[in-house]
Amino acid sequence: MPWYVYIVECNDQSLYTGTTTDIDRRVQEHNSTKKGARYTRMRQPVSLRYFEAHATRASACKREYHIKQLSREQKNALIRTHITS
């Protein structure tokens, strides 16, 4: 089962990065349940802006860490390379 790294844009235009095995379920959780991240609960709705697949959880987590170190401008450039909507 692949792991995914994803970026969602919150209602306040902030960006949140995470990992999951099911992108659709995770975005739905961010938008509708207490299973969503604390950060996104007060910033709903969120919309998926970017994702990429990884073979292992370890590689996905390493990539998530790398993305979280990027500036907002760098994250937006990454998002522009892969339009999801």
PDB file of N, CA and C in Angstrom:
ATOM      1  N   MET A   1       0.851  -1.177   0.000  1.00  0.00           N
ATOM      2  CA  MET A   1       0.000   0.000   0.000  1.00  0.00           C
ATOM      3  C   MET A   1       0.900   1.244   0.000  1.00  0.00           C
ATOM      4  N   PRO A   2       0.673   2.162  -0.919  1.00  0.00           N
ATOM      5  CA  PRO A   2       1.514   3.360  -0.960  1.00  0.00           C
ATOM      6  C   PRO A   2       1.180   4.327   0.170  1.00  0.00           C
ATOM      7  N   TRP A   3       2.161   5.110   0.532  1.00  0.00           N
ATOM      8  CA  TRP A   3       1.984   6.218   1.459  1.00  0.00           C
ATOM      9  C   TRP A   3       2.022   7.504   0.640  1.00  0.00           C
ATOM     10  N   TYR A   4       1.307   8.490   1.099  1.00  0.00           N
ATOM     11  CA  TYR A   4       1.236   9.759   0.395  1.00  0.00           C
ATOM     12  C   TYR A   4       1.658  10.898   1.313  1.00  0.00           C
ATOM     13  N   VAL A   5       2.339  11.859   0.730  1.00  0.00           N
ATOM     14  CA  VAL A   5       2.599  13.143   1.364  1.00  0.00           C
ATOM     15  C   VAL A   5       1.670  14.127   0.675  1.00  0.00           C
ATOM     16  N   TYR A   6       1.002  14.955   1.443  1.00  0.00           N
ATOM     17  CA  TYR A   6       0.029  15.865   0.857  1.00  0.00           C
ATOM     18  C   TYR A   6       0.146  17.256   1.468  1.00  0.00           C
ATOM     19  N   ILE A   7      -0.318  18.226   0.723  1.00  0.00           N
ATOM     20  CA  ILE A   7      -0.441  19.601   1.221  1.00  0.00           C
ATOM     21  C   ILE A   7      -1.885  20.022   1.000  1.00  0.00           C
ATOM     22  N   VAL A   8      -2.513  20.526   2.053  1.00  0.00           N
ATOM     23  CA  VAL A   8      -3.846  21.103   1.931  1.00  0.00           C
ATOM     24  C   VAL A   8      -3.755  22.588   2.228  1.00  0.00           C
ATOM     25  N   GLU A   9      -4.628  23.334   1.586  1.00  0.00           N
ATOM     26  CA  GLU A   9      -4.733  24.758   1.873  1.00  0.00           C
ATOM     27  C   GLU A   9      -5.945  24.968   2.755  1.00  0.00           C
ATOM     28  N   CYS A  10      -5.751  25.659   3.848  1.00  0.00           N
ATOM     29  CA  CYS A  10      -6.831  25.919   4.790  1.00  0.00           C
ATOM     30  C   CYS A  10      -7.625  27.151   4.367  1.00  0.00           C
ATOM     31  N   ASN A  11      -8.761  27.343   5.018  1.00  0.00           N
ATOM     32  CA  ASN A  11      -9.640  28.465   4.727  1.00  0.00           C
ATOM     33  C   ASN A  11      -8.935  29.805   4.898  1.00  0.00           C
ATOM     34  N   ASP A  12      -7.943  29.884   5.782  1.00  0.00           N
ATOM     35  CA  ASP A  12      -7.202  31.133   5.995  1.00  0.00           C
ATOM     36  C   ASP A  12      -5.981  31.246   5.081  1.00  0.00           C
ATOM     37  N   GLN A  13      -5.908  30.404   4.063  1.00  0.00           N
ATOM     38  CA  GLN A  13      -4.840  30.356   3.067  1.00  0.00           C
ATOM     39  C   GLN A  13      -3.511  29.833   3.609  1.00  0.00           C
ATOM     40  N   SER A  14      -3.488  29.318   4.831  1.00  0.00           N
ATOM     41  CA  SER A  14      -2.276  28.683   5.332  1.00  0.00           C
ATOM     42  C   SER A  14      -2.188  27.277   4.735  1.00  0.00           C
ATOM     43  N   LEU A  15      -0.995  26.704   4.763  1.00  0.00           N
ATOM     44  CA  LEU A  15      -0.761  25.385   4.189  1.00  0.00           C
ATOM     45  C   LEU A  15      -0.427  24.394   5.289  1.00  0.00           C
ATOM     46  N   TYR A  16      -0.965  23.190   5.168  1.00  0.00           N
ATOM     47  CA  TYR A  16      -0.707  22.112   6.122  1.00  0.00           C
ATOM     48  C   TYR A  16      -0.185  20.913   5.343  1.00  0.00           C
ATOM     49  N   THR A  17       0.891  20.304   5.831  1.00  0.00           N
ATOM     50  CA  THR A  17       1.489  19.140   5.180  1.00  0.00           C
ATOM     51  C   THR A  17       1.352  17.932   6.091  1.00  0.00           C
ATOM     52  N   GLY A  18       1.011  16.772   5.502  1.00  0.00           N
ATOM     53  CA  GLY A  18       0.876  15.551   6.286  1.00  0.00           C
ATOM     54  C   GLY A  18       1.137  14.321   5.446  1.00  0.00           C
ATOM     55  N   THR A  19       1.008  13.152   6.081  1.00  0.00           N
ATOM     56  CA  THR A  19       1.148  11.862   5.402  1.00  0.00           C
ATOM     57  C   THR A  19      -0.076  11.005   5.688  1.00  0.00           C
ATOM     58  N   THR A  20      -0.364  10.103   4.767  1.00  0.00           N
ATOM     59  CA  THR A  20      -1.514   9.218   4.922  1.00  0.00           C
ATOM     60  C   THR A  20      -1.417   8.071   3.924  1.00  0.00           C
ATOM     61  N   THR A  21      -2.245   7.065   4.108  1.00  0.00           N
ATOM     62  CA  THR A  21      -2.374   5.997   3.119  1.00  0.00           C
ATOM     63  C   THR A  21      -3.626   6.185   2.267  1.00  0.00           C
ATOM     64  N   ASP A  22      -4.488   7.118   2.652  1.00  0.00           N
ATOM     65  CA  ASP A  22      -5.737   7.362   1.928  1.00  0.00           C
ATOM     66  C   ASP A  22      -6.014   8.867   1.906  1.00  0.00           C
ATOM     67  N   ILE A  23      -5.693   9.500   0.814  1.00  0.00           N
ATOM     68  CA  ILE A  23      -5.799  10.957   0.720  1.00  0.00           C
ATOM     69  C   ILE A  23      -7.240  11.436   0.859  1.00  0.00           C
ATOM     70  N   ASP A  24      -8.167  10.810   0.153  1.00  0.00           N
ATOM     71  CA  ASP A  24      -9.561  11.258   0.204  1.00  0.00           C
ATOM     72  C   ASP A  24     -10.108  11.191   1.625  1.00  0.00           C
ATOM     73  N   ARG A  25      -9.838  10.086   2.309  1.00  0.00           N
ATOM     74  CA  ARG A  25     -10.309   9.927   3.689  1.00  0.00           C
ATOM     75  C   ARG A  25      -9.692  10.990   4.584  1.00  0.00           C
ATOM     76  N   ARG A  26      -8.400  11.238   4.417  1.00  0.00           N
ATOM     77  CA  ARG A  26      -7.711  12.182   5.294  1.00  0.00           C
ATOM     78  C   ARG A  26      -8.207  13.609   5.091  1.00  0.00           C
ATOM     79  N   VAL A  27      -8.430  14.001   3.861  1.00  0.00           N
ATOM     80  CA  VAL A  27      -8.963  15.348   3.610  1.00  0.00           C
ATOM     81  C   VAL A  27     -10.357  15.460   4.221  1.00  0.00           C
ATOM     82  N   GLN A  28     -11.152  14.424   4.067  1.00  0.00           N
ATOM     83  CA  GLN A  28     -12.488  14.424   4.666  1.00  0.00           C
ATOM     84  C   GLN A  28     -12.387  14.550   6.196  1.00  0.00           C
ATOM     85  N   GLU A  29     -11.440  13.846   6.804  1.00  0.00           N
ATOM     86  CA  GLU A  29     -11.255  13.953   8.248  1.00  0.00           C
ATOM     87  C   GLU A  29     -10.863  15.377   8.646  1.00  0.00           C
ATOM     88  N   HIS A  30      -9.993  15.991   7.881  1.00  0.00           N
ATOM     89  CA  HIS A  30      -9.603  17.371   8.179  1.00  0.00           C
ATOM     90  C   HIS A  30     -10.806  18.302   8.115  1.00  0.00           C
ATOM     91  N   ASN A  31     -11.756  17.986   7.253  1.00  0.00           N
ATOM     92  CA  ASN A  31     -12.908  18.862   7.063  1.00  0.00           C
ATOM     93  C   ASN A  31     -14.100  18.561   7.950  1.00  0.00           C
ATOM     94  N   SER A  32     -14.220  17.337   8.474  1.00  0.00           N
ATOM     95  CA  SER A  32     -15.506  17.027   9.096  1.00  0.00           C
ATOM     96  C   SER A  32     -15.465  16.324  10.447  1.00  0.00           C
ATOM     97  N   THR A  33     -14.321  15.914  10.926  1.00  0.00           N
ATOM     98  CA  THR A  33     -14.312  15.176  12.183  1.00  0.00           C
ATOM     99  C   THR A  33     -13.203  15.657  13.101  1.00  0.00           C
ATOM    100  N   LYS A  34     -13.220  15.145  14.295  1.00  0.00           N
ATOM    101  CA  LYS A  34     -12.156  15.458  15.247  1.00  0.00           C
ATOM    102  C   LYS A  34     -10.895  14.648  14.976  1.00  0.00           C
ATOM    103  N   LYS A  35     -10.930  13.801  13.956  1.00  0.00           N
ATOM    104  CA  LYS A  35      -9.738  13.048  13.573  1.00  0.00           C
ATOM    105  C   LYS A  35      -8.758  13.901  12.786  1.00  0.00           C
ATOM    106  N   GLY A  36      -9.210  15.051  12.330  1.00  0.00           N
ATOM    107  CA  GLY A  36      -8.332  15.959  11.614  1.00  0.00           C
ATOM    108  C   GLY A  36      -7.294  16.547  12.553  1.00  0.00           C
ATOM    109  N   ALA A  37      -6.237  17.078  12.001  1.00  0.00           N
ATOM    110  CA  ALA A  37      -5.187  17.680  12.803  1.00  0.00           C
ATOM    111  C   ALA A  37      -5.730  18.883  13.575  1.00  0.00           C
ATOM    112  N   ARG A  38      -5.201  19.101  14.747  1.00  0.00           N
ATOM    113  CA  ARG A  38      -5.626  20.237  15.567  1.00  0.00           C
ATOM    114  C   ARG A  38      -5.477  21.543  14.780  1.00  0.00           C
ATOM    115  N   TYR A  39      -4.399  21.646  14.019  1.00  0.00           N
ATOM    116  CA  TYR A  39      -4.143  22.863  13.246  1.00  0.00           C
ATOM    117  C   TYR A  39      -5.277  23.161  12.270  1.00  0.00           C
ATOM    118  N   THR A  40      -5.796  22.127  11.605  1.00  0.00           N
ATOM    119  CA  THR A  40      -6.804  22.360  10.573  1.00  0.00           C
ATOM    120  C   THR A  40      -8.221  22.471  11.124  1.00  0.00           C
ATOM    121  N   ARG A  41      -8.466  22.042  12.349  1.00  0.00           N
ATOM    122  CA  ARG A  41      -9.833  22.068  12.887  1.00  0.00           C
ATOM    123  C   ARG A  41     -10.438  23.463  12.901  1.00  0.00           C
ATOM    124  N   MET A  42      -9.631  24.457  13.231  1.00  0.00           N
ATOM    125  CA  MET A  42     -10.128  25.829  13.302  1.00  0.00           C
ATOM    126  C   MET A  42      -9.959  26.569  11.982  1.00  0.00           C
ATOM    127  N   ARG A  43      -9.493  25.860  10.950  1.00  0.00           N
ATOM    128  CA  ARG A  43      -9.222  26.501   9.663  1.00  0.00           C
ATOM    129  C   ARG A  43      -9.963  25.800   8.521  1.00  0.00           C
ATOM    130  N   GLN A  44     -11.102  25.212   8.820  1.00  0.00           N
ATOM    131  CA  GLN A  44     -11.877  24.498   7.806  1.00  0.00           C
ATOM    132  C   GLN A  44     -12.650  25.490   6.952  1.00  0.00           C
ATOM    133  N   PRO A  45     -12.953  25.144   5.720  1.00  0.00           N
ATOM    134  CA  PRO A  45     -12.602  23.887   5.070  1.00  0.00           C
ATOM    135  C   PRO A  45     -11.183  23.929   4.504  1.00  0.00           C
ATOM    136  N   VAL A  46     -10.641  22.735   4.289  1.00  0.00           N
ATOM    137  CA  VAL A  46      -9.342  22.618   3.638  1.00  0.00           C
ATOM    138  C   VAL A  46      -9.560  22.025   2.257  1.00  0.00           C
ATOM    139  N   SER A  47      -8.623  22.293   1.357  1.00  0.00           N
ATOM    140  CA  SER A  47      -8.703  21.697   0.027  1.00  0.00           C
ATOM    141  C   SER A  47      -7.327  21.172  -0.361  1.00  0.00           C
ATOM    142  N   LEU A  48      -7.334  20.029  -0.998  1.00  0.00           N
ATOM    143  CA  LEU A  48      -6.102  19.373  -1.409  1.00  0.00           C
ATOM    144  C   LEU A  48      -5.429  20.175  -2.510  1.00  0.00           C
ATOM    145  N   ARG A  49      -4.143  20.460  -2.332  1.00  0.00           N
ATOM    146  CA  ARG A  49      -3.392  21.231  -3.324  1.00  0.00           C
ATOM    147  C   ARG A  49      -2.251  20.436  -3.946  1.00  0.00           C
ATOM    148  N   TYR A  50      -1.743  19.411  -3.236  1.00  0.00           N
ATOM    149  CA  TYR A  50      -0.579  18.675  -3.741  1.00  0.00           C
ATOM    150  C   TYR A  50      -0.514  17.315  -3.054  1.00  0.00           C
ATOM    151  N   PHE A  51      -0.042  16.317  -3.794  1.00  0.00           N
ATOM    152  CA  PHE A  51       0.276  15.041  -3.169  1.00  0.00           C
ATOM    153  C   PHE A  51       1.296  14.306  -4.016  1.00  0.00           C
ATOM    154  N   GLU A  52       2.010  13.398  -3.370  1.00  0.00           N
ATOM    155  CA  GLU A  52       2.948  12.528  -4.063  1.00  0.00           C
ATOM    156  C   GLU A  52       2.982  11.191  -3.340  1.00  0.00           C
ATOM    157  N   ALA A  53       3.186  10.106  -4.098  1.00  0.00           N
ATOM    158  CA  ALA A  53       3.182   8.757  -3.547  1.00  0.00           C
ATOM    159  C   ALA A  53       4.594   8.327  -3.172  1.00  0.00           C
ATOM    160  N   HIS A  54       4.670   7.491  -2.127  1.00  0.00           N
ATOM    161  CA  HIS A  54       5.935   6.908  -1.672  1.00  0.00           C
ATOM    162  C   HIS A  54       5.699   5.437  -1.359  1.00  0.00           C
ATOM    163  N   ALA A  55       6.741   4.648  -1.547  1.00  0.00           N
ATOM    164  CA  ALA A  55       6.627   3.204  -1.355  1.00  0.00           C
ATOM    165  C   ALA A  55       6.548   2.817   0.119  1.00  0.00           C
ATOM    166  N   THR A  56       7.169   3.623   0.988  1.00  0.00           N
ATOM    167  CA  THR A  56       7.199   3.267   2.410  1.00  0.00           C
ATOM    168  C   THR A  56       6.798   4.457   3.268  1.00  0.00           C
ATOM    169  N   ARG A  57       6.387   4.143   4.476  1.00  0.00           N
ATOM    170  CA  ARG A  57       6.057   5.199   5.428  1.00  0.00           C
ATOM    171  C   ARG A  57       7.298   6.027   5.742  1.00  0.00           C
ATOM    172  N   ALA A  58       8.428   5.373   5.859  1.00  0.00           N
ATOM    173  CA  ALA A  58       9.668   6.079   6.191  1.00  0.00           C
ATOM    174  C   ALA A  58      10.008   7.128   5.133  1.00  0.00           C
ATOM    175  N   SER A  59       9.912   6.766   3.873  1.00  0.00           N
ATOM    176  CA  SER A  59      10.243   7.736   2.823  1.00  0.00           C
ATOM    177  C   SER A  59       9.223   8.867   2.783  1.00  0.00           C
ATOM    178  N   ALA A  60       7.964   8.559   3.045  1.00  0.00           N
ATOM    179  CA  ALA A  60       6.936   9.596   3.086  1.00  0.00           C
ATOM    180  C   ALA A  60       7.190  10.566   4.240  1.00  0.00           C
ATOM    181  N   CYS A  61       7.564  10.040   5.389  1.00  0.00           N
ATOM    182  CA  CYS A  61       7.826  10.900   6.546  1.00  0.00           C
ATOM    183  C   CYS A  61       9.062  11.765   6.325  1.00  0.00           C
ATOM    184  N   LYS A  62      10.069  11.219   5.681  1.00  0.00           N
ATOM    185  CA  LYS A  62      11.261  12.018   5.369  1.00  0.00           C
ATOM    186  C   LYS A  62      10.907  13.157   4.421  1.00  0.00           C
ATOM    187  N   ARG A  63      10.094  12.855   3.426  1.00  0.00           N
ATOM    188  CA  ARG A  63       9.675  13.879   2.473  1.00  0.00           C
ATOM    189  C   ARG A  63       8.791  14.920   3.150  1.00  0.00           C
ATOM    190  N   GLU A  64       7.897  14.482   4.031  1.00  0.00           N
ATOM    191  CA  GLU A  64       7.054  15.412   4.775  1.00  0.00           C
ATOM    192  C   GLU A  64       7.931  16.392   5.554  1.00  0.00           C
ATOM    193  N   TYR A  65       8.944  15.883   6.224  1.00  0.00           N
ATOM    194  CA  TYR A  65       9.855  16.736   6.978  1.00  0.00           C
ATOM    195  C   TYR A  65      10.529  17.746   6.048  1.00  0.00           C
ATOM    196  N   HIS A  66      10.987  17.261   4.906  1.00  0.00           N
ATOM    197  CA  HIS A  66      11.645  18.147   3.943  1.00  0.00           C
ATOM    198  C   HIS A  66      10.702  19.252   3.474  1.00  0.00           C
ATOM    199  N   ILE A  67       9.483  18.902   3.146  1.00  0.00           N
ATOM    200  CA  ILE A  67       8.504  19.895   2.685  1.00  0.00           C
ATOM    201  C   ILE A  67       8.211  20.911   3.785  1.00  0.00           C
ATOM    202  N   LYS A  68       8.110  20.451   5.019  1.00  0.00           N
ATOM    203  CA  LYS A  68       7.818  21.364   6.123  1.00  0.00           C
ATOM    204  C   LYS A  68       8.943  22.375   6.349  1.00  0.00           C
ATOM    205  N   GLN A  69      10.135  22.072   5.878  1.00  0.00           N
ATOM    206  CA  GLN A  69      11.256  23.000   6.009  1.00  0.00           C
ATOM    207  C   GLN A  69      11.252  24.075   4.925  1.00  0.00           C
ATOM    208  N   LEU A  70      10.441  23.896   3.889  1.00  0.00           N
ATOM    209  CA  LEU A  70      10.396  24.846   2.783  1.00  0.00           C
ATOM    210  C   LEU A  70       9.670  26.130   3.184  1.00  0.00           C
ATOM    211  N   SER A  71      10.012  27.209   2.525  1.00  0.00           N
ATOM    212  CA  SER A  71       9.287  28.459   2.721  1.00  0.00           C
ATOM    213  C   SER A  71       7.927  28.354   2.028  1.00  0.00           C
ATOM    214  N   ARG A  72       7.053  29.277   2.341  1.00  0.00           N
ATOM    215  CA  ARG A  72       5.738  29.288   1.685  1.00  0.00           C
ATOM    216  C   ARG A  72       5.902  29.429   0.173  1.00  0.00           C
ATOM    217  N   GLU A  73       6.807  30.279  -0.269  1.00  0.00           N
ATOM    218  CA  GLU A  73       7.038  30.461  -1.703  1.00  0.00           C
ATOM    219  C   GLU A  73       7.486  29.154  -2.354  1.00  0.00           C
ATOM    220  N   GLN A  74       8.358  28.421  -1.685  1.00  0.00           N
ATOM    221  CA  GLN A  74       8.832  27.142  -2.225  1.00  0.00           C
ATOM    222  C   GLN A  74       7.705  26.110  -2.255  1.00  0.00           C
ATOM    223  N   LYS A  75       6.851  26.117  -1.239  1.00  0.00           N
ATOM    224  CA  LYS A  75       5.709  25.200  -1.232  1.00  0.00           C
ATOM    225  C   LYS A  75       4.738  25.541  -2.364  1.00  0.00           C
ATOM    226  N   ASN A  76       4.511  26.825  -2.579  1.00  0.00           N
ATOM    227  CA  ASN A  76       3.625  27.225  -3.673  1.00  0.00           C
ATOM    228  C   ASN A  76       4.201  26.825  -5.021  1.00  0.00           C
ATOM    229  N   ALA A  77       5.510  26.914  -5.184  1.00  0.00           N
ATOM    230  CA  ALA A  77       6.147  26.471  -6.428  1.00  0.00           C
ATOM    231  C   ALA A  77       5.953  24.976  -6.620  1.00  0.00           C
ATOM    232  N   LEU A  78       6.079  24.210  -5.542  1.00  0.00           N
ATOM    233  CA  LEU A  78       5.851  22.764  -5.593  1.00  0.00           C
ATOM    234  C   LEU A  78       4.404  22.475  -5.985  1.00  0.00           C
ATOM    235  N   ILE A  79       3.480  23.200  -5.408  1.00  0.00           N
ATOM    236  CA  ILE A  79       2.055  23.017  -5.726  1.00  0.00           C
ATOM    237  C   ILE A  79       1.789  23.319  -7.191  1.00  0.00           C
ATOM    238  N   ARG A  80       2.404  24.358  -7.714  1.00  0.00           N
ATOM    239  CA  ARG A  80       2.188  24.717  -9.127  1.00  0.00           C
ATOM    240  C   ARG A  80       2.689  23.635 -10.079  1.00  0.00           C
ATOM    241  N   THR A  81       3.638  22.825  -9.654  1.00  0.00           N
ATOM    242  CA  THR A  81       4.140  21.751 -10.516  1.00  0.00           C
ATOM    243  C   THR A  81       3.169  20.595 -10.613  1.00  0.00           C
ATOM    244  N   HIS A  82       2.193  20.553  -9.728  1.00  0.00           N
ATOM    245  CA  HIS A  82       1.262  19.427  -9.684  1.00  0.00           C
ATOM    246  C   HIS A  82      -0.114  19.925  -9.283  1.00  0.00           C
ATOM    247  N   ILE A  83      -0.892  20.363 -10.234  1.00  0.00           N
ATOM    248  CA  ILE A  83      -2.240  20.858  -9.949  1.00  0.00           C
ATOM    249  C   ILE A  83      -3.157  19.676  -9.686  1.00  0.00           C
ATOM    250  N   THR A  84      -3.871  19.683  -8.526  1.00  0.00           N
ATOM    251  CA  THR A  84      -4.733  18.563  -8.169  1.00  0.00           C
ATOM    252  C   THR A  84      -6.207  18.854  -8.377  1.00  0.00           C
ATOM    253  N   SER A  85      -6.566  20.112  -8.605  1.00  0.00           N
ATOM    254  CA  SER A  85      -8.003  20.381  -8.752  1.00  0.00           C
ATOM    255  C   SER A  85      -8.329  20.977 -10.091  1.00  0.00           C
TER     256      SER A  85
END
